[in-house]
Structure formats: structure tokens, C-alpha cells
N, C-alpha and C. Protein backbone atom coordinates (compact mmCIF):
# COMPACT_ATOMS: atom_id res chain seq x y z
N MET A 1 28.93 42.92 27.98
CA MET A 1 28.21 43.92 27.20
C MET A 1 28.73 45.31 27.57
N ASN A 2 28.93 46.15 26.57
CA ASN A 2 29.42 47.50 26.79
C ASN A 2 28.23 48.46 26.83
N ASP A 3 28.03 49.14 27.98
CA ASP A 3 26.89 50.06 28.14
C ASP A 3 27.25 51.50 27.79
N LYS A 4 28.46 51.76 27.39
CA LYS A 4 28.86 53.13 27.06
C LYS A 4 28.21 53.54 25.75
N LYS A 5 27.72 54.78 25.71
CA LYS A 5 26.96 55.25 24.55
C LYS A 5 27.79 55.97 23.51
N GLY A 6 29.02 56.32 23.81
CA GLY A 6 29.83 57.02 22.83
C GLY A 6 29.73 58.53 22.99
N CYS A 7 29.95 59.25 21.93
CA CYS A 7 30.01 60.71 21.94
C CYS A 7 28.63 61.31 22.21
N ASN A 8 28.56 62.19 23.17
CA ASN A 8 27.31 62.86 23.55
C ASN A 8 27.14 64.13 22.72
N MET A 9 26.04 64.22 21.98
CA MET A 9 25.79 65.37 21.11
C MET A 9 24.81 66.38 21.72
N LYS A 10 24.48 66.23 23.01
CA LYS A 10 23.51 67.12 23.64
C LYS A 10 23.94 68.58 23.60
N GLY A 11 25.23 68.84 23.64
CA GLY A 11 25.73 70.21 23.64
C GLY A 11 25.37 70.98 22.39
N LEU A 12 24.98 70.30 21.35
CA LEU A 12 24.64 70.96 20.09
C LEU A 12 23.15 71.30 19.97
N LEU A 13 22.35 70.93 20.96
CA LEU A 13 20.90 71.12 20.87
C LEU A 13 20.51 72.58 20.68
N SER A 14 21.05 73.47 21.49
CA SER A 14 20.68 74.89 21.38
C SER A 14 21.06 75.44 20.02
N PHE A 15 22.26 75.10 19.55
CA PHE A 15 22.67 75.56 18.23
C PHE A 15 21.75 75.01 17.15
N GLN A 16 21.39 73.74 17.27
CA GLN A 16 20.53 73.14 16.26
C GLN A 16 19.15 73.80 16.26
N ILE A 17 18.62 74.11 17.43
CA ILE A 17 17.32 74.80 17.52
C ILE A 17 17.42 76.16 16.86
N LEU A 18 18.46 76.92 17.17
CA LEU A 18 18.62 78.24 16.55
C LEU A 18 18.73 78.12 15.04
N TRP A 19 19.51 77.16 14.58
CA TRP A 19 19.69 76.98 13.14
C TRP A 19 18.35 76.65 12.47
N LEU A 20 17.58 75.74 13.07
CA LEU A 20 16.27 75.38 12.51
C LEU A 20 15.34 76.59 12.47
N LEU A 21 15.34 77.37 13.54
CA LEU A 21 14.47 78.55 13.58
C LEU A 21 14.94 79.64 12.62
N SER A 22 16.20 79.58 12.19
CA SER A 22 16.66 80.55 11.19
C SER A 22 16.03 80.26 9.83
N LYS A 23 15.51 79.04 9.66
CA LYS A 23 14.86 78.65 8.40
C LYS A 23 13.40 79.07 8.39
N LYS A 24 12.71 78.91 9.55
CA LYS A 24 11.30 79.29 9.64
C LYS A 24 10.84 79.18 11.10
N PRO A 25 9.83 79.95 11.49
CA PRO A 25 9.27 79.80 12.84
C PRO A 25 8.62 78.43 12.98
N MET A 26 8.70 77.85 14.18
CA MET A 26 8.14 76.52 14.43
C MET A 26 7.68 76.43 15.88
N TYR A 27 6.78 75.47 16.13
CA TYR A 27 6.41 75.16 17.50
C TYR A 27 7.28 74.00 17.99
N GLY A 28 7.25 73.75 19.29
CA GLY A 28 8.17 72.81 19.92
C GLY A 28 8.21 71.44 19.29
N ASP A 29 7.05 70.85 19.01
CA ASP A 29 7.06 69.49 18.45
C ASP A 29 7.60 69.48 17.02
N GLN A 30 7.37 70.55 16.28
CA GLN A 30 7.96 70.63 14.92
C GLN A 30 9.49 70.64 15.01
N ILE A 31 10.01 71.39 15.96
CA ILE A 31 11.46 71.46 16.16
C ILE A 31 11.98 70.06 16.49
N ALA A 32 11.30 69.38 17.42
CA ALA A 32 11.72 68.03 17.82
C ALA A 32 11.69 67.08 16.62
N GLU A 33 10.67 67.19 15.77
CA GLU A 33 10.58 66.32 14.60
C GLU A 33 11.70 66.61 13.60
N GLU A 34 12.05 67.87 13.42
CA GLU A 34 13.15 68.22 12.52
C GLU A 34 14.48 67.69 13.05
N ILE A 35 14.66 67.77 14.36
CA ILE A 35 15.86 67.23 14.97
C ILE A 35 15.90 65.71 14.78
N GLU A 36 14.76 65.05 14.94
CA GLU A 36 14.69 63.61 14.74
C GLU A 36 15.10 63.22 13.32
N LYS A 37 14.69 64.00 12.32
CA LYS A 37 15.08 63.72 10.93
C LYS A 37 16.60 63.72 10.77
N ARG A 38 17.26 64.60 11.52
CA ARG A 38 18.70 64.76 11.36
C ARG A 38 19.50 63.82 12.27
N ARG A 39 19.01 63.58 13.47
CA ARG A 39 19.75 62.78 14.45
C ARG A 39 19.29 61.33 14.51
N GLY A 40 18.08 61.07 14.00
CA GLY A 40 17.56 59.71 14.09
C GLY A 40 16.85 59.42 15.39
N GLU A 41 16.80 60.39 16.27
CA GLU A 41 16.15 60.22 17.56
C GLU A 41 15.46 61.53 17.94
N LYS A 42 14.20 61.44 18.33
CA LYS A 42 13.43 62.63 18.69
C LYS A 42 13.73 63.01 20.13
N PRO A 43 14.13 64.27 20.36
CA PRO A 43 14.36 64.68 21.74
C PRO A 43 13.06 64.66 22.54
N LYS A 44 13.17 64.30 23.80
CA LYS A 44 12.01 64.25 24.67
C LYS A 44 11.58 65.67 25.04
N PRO A 45 10.30 65.86 25.37
CA PRO A 45 9.85 67.18 25.83
C PRO A 45 10.68 67.71 27.01
N SER A 46 11.13 66.79 27.87
CA SER A 46 11.93 67.20 29.03
C SER A 46 13.33 67.69 28.62
N THR A 47 13.68 67.51 27.37
CA THR A 47 14.94 68.01 26.83
C THR A 47 14.71 69.26 26.00
N ILE A 48 13.72 69.23 25.12
CA ILE A 48 13.53 70.32 24.17
C ILE A 48 12.98 71.59 24.84
N TYR A 49 12.01 71.44 25.73
CA TYR A 49 11.38 72.63 26.31
C TYR A 49 12.28 73.40 27.27
N PRO A 50 13.11 72.75 28.09
CA PRO A 50 14.08 73.53 28.86
C PRO A 50 15.06 74.29 27.96
N ALA A 51 15.45 73.67 26.85
CA ALA A 51 16.36 74.35 25.92
C ALA A 51 15.67 75.58 25.31
N LEU A 52 14.39 75.43 24.93
CA LEU A 52 13.64 76.56 24.39
C LEU A 52 13.50 77.67 25.44
N LYS A 53 13.27 77.29 26.69
CA LYS A 53 13.14 78.28 27.76
C LYS A 53 14.46 79.03 27.95
N GLU A 54 15.56 78.31 27.95
CA GLU A 54 16.86 78.95 28.11
C GLU A 54 17.15 79.92 26.96
N LEU A 55 16.86 79.50 25.74
CA LEU A 55 17.06 80.38 24.58
C LEU A 55 16.17 81.61 24.68
N SER A 56 14.96 81.43 25.16
CA SER A 56 14.04 82.55 25.35
C SER A 56 14.54 83.48 26.46
N ASP A 57 14.96 82.90 27.59
CA ASP A 57 15.50 83.69 28.70
C ASP A 57 16.72 84.50 28.27
N ASN A 58 17.49 83.96 27.33
CA ASN A 58 18.67 84.66 26.81
C ASN A 58 18.33 85.60 25.66
N GLU A 59 17.04 85.76 25.38
CA GLU A 59 16.52 86.66 24.35
C GLU A 59 17.04 86.34 22.95
N LEU A 60 17.25 85.04 22.70
CA LEU A 60 17.66 84.59 21.37
C LEU A 60 16.45 84.17 20.53
N ILE A 61 15.39 83.75 21.21
CA ILE A 61 14.14 83.39 20.54
C ILE A 61 12.98 84.03 21.30
N LYS A 62 11.85 84.10 20.61
CA LYS A 62 10.62 84.57 21.27
C LYS A 62 9.50 83.63 20.87
N GLY A 63 8.54 83.51 21.74
CA GLY A 63 7.39 82.66 21.47
C GLY A 63 6.13 83.49 21.36
N LYS A 64 5.30 83.13 20.39
CA LYS A 64 4.02 83.82 20.19
C LYS A 64 2.94 82.75 20.24
N LYS A 65 2.00 82.93 21.15
CA LYS A 65 0.94 81.95 21.32
C LYS A 65 -0.03 82.02 20.14
N LYS A 66 -0.33 80.86 19.56
CA LYS A 66 -1.27 80.74 18.46
C LYS A 66 -2.18 79.57 18.80
N GLY A 67 -3.34 79.87 19.35
CA GLY A 67 -4.21 78.80 19.85
C GLY A 67 -3.55 78.16 21.05
N LYS A 68 -3.41 76.83 21.00
CA LYS A 68 -2.75 76.11 22.09
C LYS A 68 -1.24 75.99 21.89
N LEU A 69 -0.76 76.40 20.72
CA LEU A 69 0.66 76.26 20.39
C LEU A 69 1.42 77.55 20.64
N ILE A 70 2.69 77.41 20.90
CA ILE A 70 3.59 78.57 20.94
C ILE A 70 4.53 78.43 19.75
N ILE A 71 4.48 79.43 18.88
CA ILE A 71 5.34 79.44 17.70
C ILE A 71 6.60 80.22 18.05
N TYR A 72 7.75 79.57 17.90
CA TYR A 72 9.03 80.18 18.25
C TYR A 72 9.68 80.75 17.00
N SER A 73 10.34 81.88 17.17
CA SER A 73 11.10 82.50 16.09
C SER A 73 12.32 83.18 16.69
N LEU A 74 13.28 83.50 15.84
CA LEU A 74 14.49 84.17 16.30
C LEU A 74 14.23 85.64 16.58
N THR A 75 14.90 86.17 17.57
CA THR A 75 14.94 87.60 17.79
C THR A 75 16.10 88.16 16.95
N GLN A 76 16.26 89.47 16.93
CA GLN A 76 17.40 90.06 16.22
C GLN A 76 18.70 89.54 16.81
N ARG A 77 18.76 89.44 18.12
CA ARG A 77 19.95 88.91 18.78
C ARG A 77 20.16 87.45 18.38
N GLY A 78 19.09 86.69 18.27
CA GLY A 78 19.17 85.29 17.86
C GLY A 78 19.71 85.15 16.45
N ILE A 79 19.26 86.03 15.56
CA ILE A 79 19.76 86.00 14.17
C ILE A 79 21.27 86.23 14.15
N TYR A 80 21.72 87.21 14.91
CA TYR A 80 23.15 87.51 14.99
C TYR A 80 23.91 86.32 15.57
N GLU A 81 23.40 85.74 16.64
CA GLU A 81 24.08 84.62 17.31
C GLU A 81 24.16 83.38 16.42
N VAL A 82 23.08 83.08 15.68
CA VAL A 82 23.14 81.89 14.83
C VAL A 82 24.14 82.10 13.69
N GLN A 83 24.25 83.32 13.18
CA GLN A 83 25.25 83.59 12.14
C GLN A 83 26.66 83.44 12.70
N LYS A 84 26.88 84.04 13.86
CA LYS A 84 28.20 83.99 14.50
C LYS A 84 28.56 82.55 14.87
N THR A 85 27.62 81.81 15.40
CA THR A 85 27.87 80.43 15.82
C THR A 85 28.08 79.52 14.62
N THR A 86 27.35 79.75 13.54
CA THR A 86 27.53 78.95 12.32
C THR A 86 28.94 79.15 11.76
N GLU A 87 29.40 80.40 11.75
CA GLU A 87 30.76 80.67 11.28
C GLU A 87 31.78 79.94 12.16
N TYR A 88 31.58 80.00 13.48
CA TYR A 88 32.48 79.32 14.41
C TYR A 88 32.44 77.80 14.17
N PHE A 89 31.24 77.25 14.02
CA PHE A 89 31.08 75.82 13.80
C PHE A 89 31.83 75.39 12.53
N CYS A 90 31.67 76.14 11.46
CA CYS A 90 32.34 75.80 10.19
C CYS A 90 33.86 75.88 10.33
N ARG A 91 34.34 76.91 11.05
CA ARG A 91 35.78 77.04 11.29
C ARG A 91 36.30 75.87 12.10
N SER A 92 35.53 75.50 13.12
CA SER A 92 35.97 74.45 14.05
C SER A 92 35.83 73.04 13.49
N PHE A 93 34.76 72.80 12.74
CA PHE A 93 34.45 71.43 12.33
C PHE A 93 34.46 71.21 10.82
N GLY A 94 34.70 72.24 10.05
CA GLY A 94 34.68 72.12 8.60
C GLY A 94 35.60 71.04 8.07
N GLU A 95 36.81 71.00 8.59
CA GLU A 95 37.78 70.00 8.14
C GLU A 95 37.30 68.59 8.48
N ILE A 96 36.73 68.43 9.65
CA ILE A 96 36.21 67.12 10.07
C ILE A 96 35.09 66.67 9.13
N LEU A 97 34.20 67.61 8.80
CA LEU A 97 33.09 67.27 7.91
C LEU A 97 33.59 66.89 6.52
N LYS A 98 34.57 67.61 6.01
CA LYS A 98 35.14 67.29 4.70
C LYS A 98 35.77 65.89 4.71
N GLU A 99 36.55 65.62 5.76
CA GLU A 99 37.23 64.33 5.84
C GLU A 99 36.25 63.18 6.05
N SER A 100 35.15 63.42 6.76
CA SER A 100 34.19 62.34 7.02
C SER A 100 33.49 61.89 5.76
N LYS A 101 33.41 62.75 4.77
CA LYS A 101 32.79 62.35 3.49
C LYS A 101 33.64 61.31 2.79
N ASN A 102 34.93 61.29 3.09
CA ASN A 102 35.85 60.35 2.44
C ASN A 102 36.03 59.06 3.24
N MET A 103 35.35 58.93 4.36
CA MET A 103 35.51 57.73 5.21
C MET A 103 34.69 56.59 4.69
């Protein structure tokens, strides 16, 4: 039996969170559910919340407490970074995405 899992996509989590928050403010579990729709697997709280903390520490997102929930949204710096990173992603992976449609 082969226990190797293949390509690890964890490195894209921060970018995916920023991209999702560029669409609308969300709380942590909403973000995890949106990621699950796209990846097929819901990230665990022990994965999503450290990523949110790091993005917040880097002043890319901010959280606003609403009852028991914290609603996350992009800061001005976050808006700039998601635009810049999206352009980089398209430059780097655009050809791969085009070719994968033909596979």
C-alpha cells in the first residue's frame, strides 16, 4: 500500500483566504466551508485559525467581533496584496490551468 499523499496544497491556504475575503467579509467557519467547497476537504480549526492569526498579524486582514463571532475582512494592505498575488498566480499558473482543461 502506498501511503504517500501526493502534492501538498497547504501553501495556498493564505492566498485562498485572502481571495475569499476579497469577495465578502466572513467568519472563520464560513471561510473553512468555502474552502471545503473548492478543495473537497474542510480545513481543521487548528489549520484555519493560525492562518487567520498570521494574516491579521501581517495586517492583511482585520477581525471585528460580532456577538460570539469574529468577522474577518481585508485591510487596505490586504486588498493590495490579494491583487498583486492574484496577478502573480495567473502569470505563474495560467498556462497550467489552460492545459488542464484539455486533459
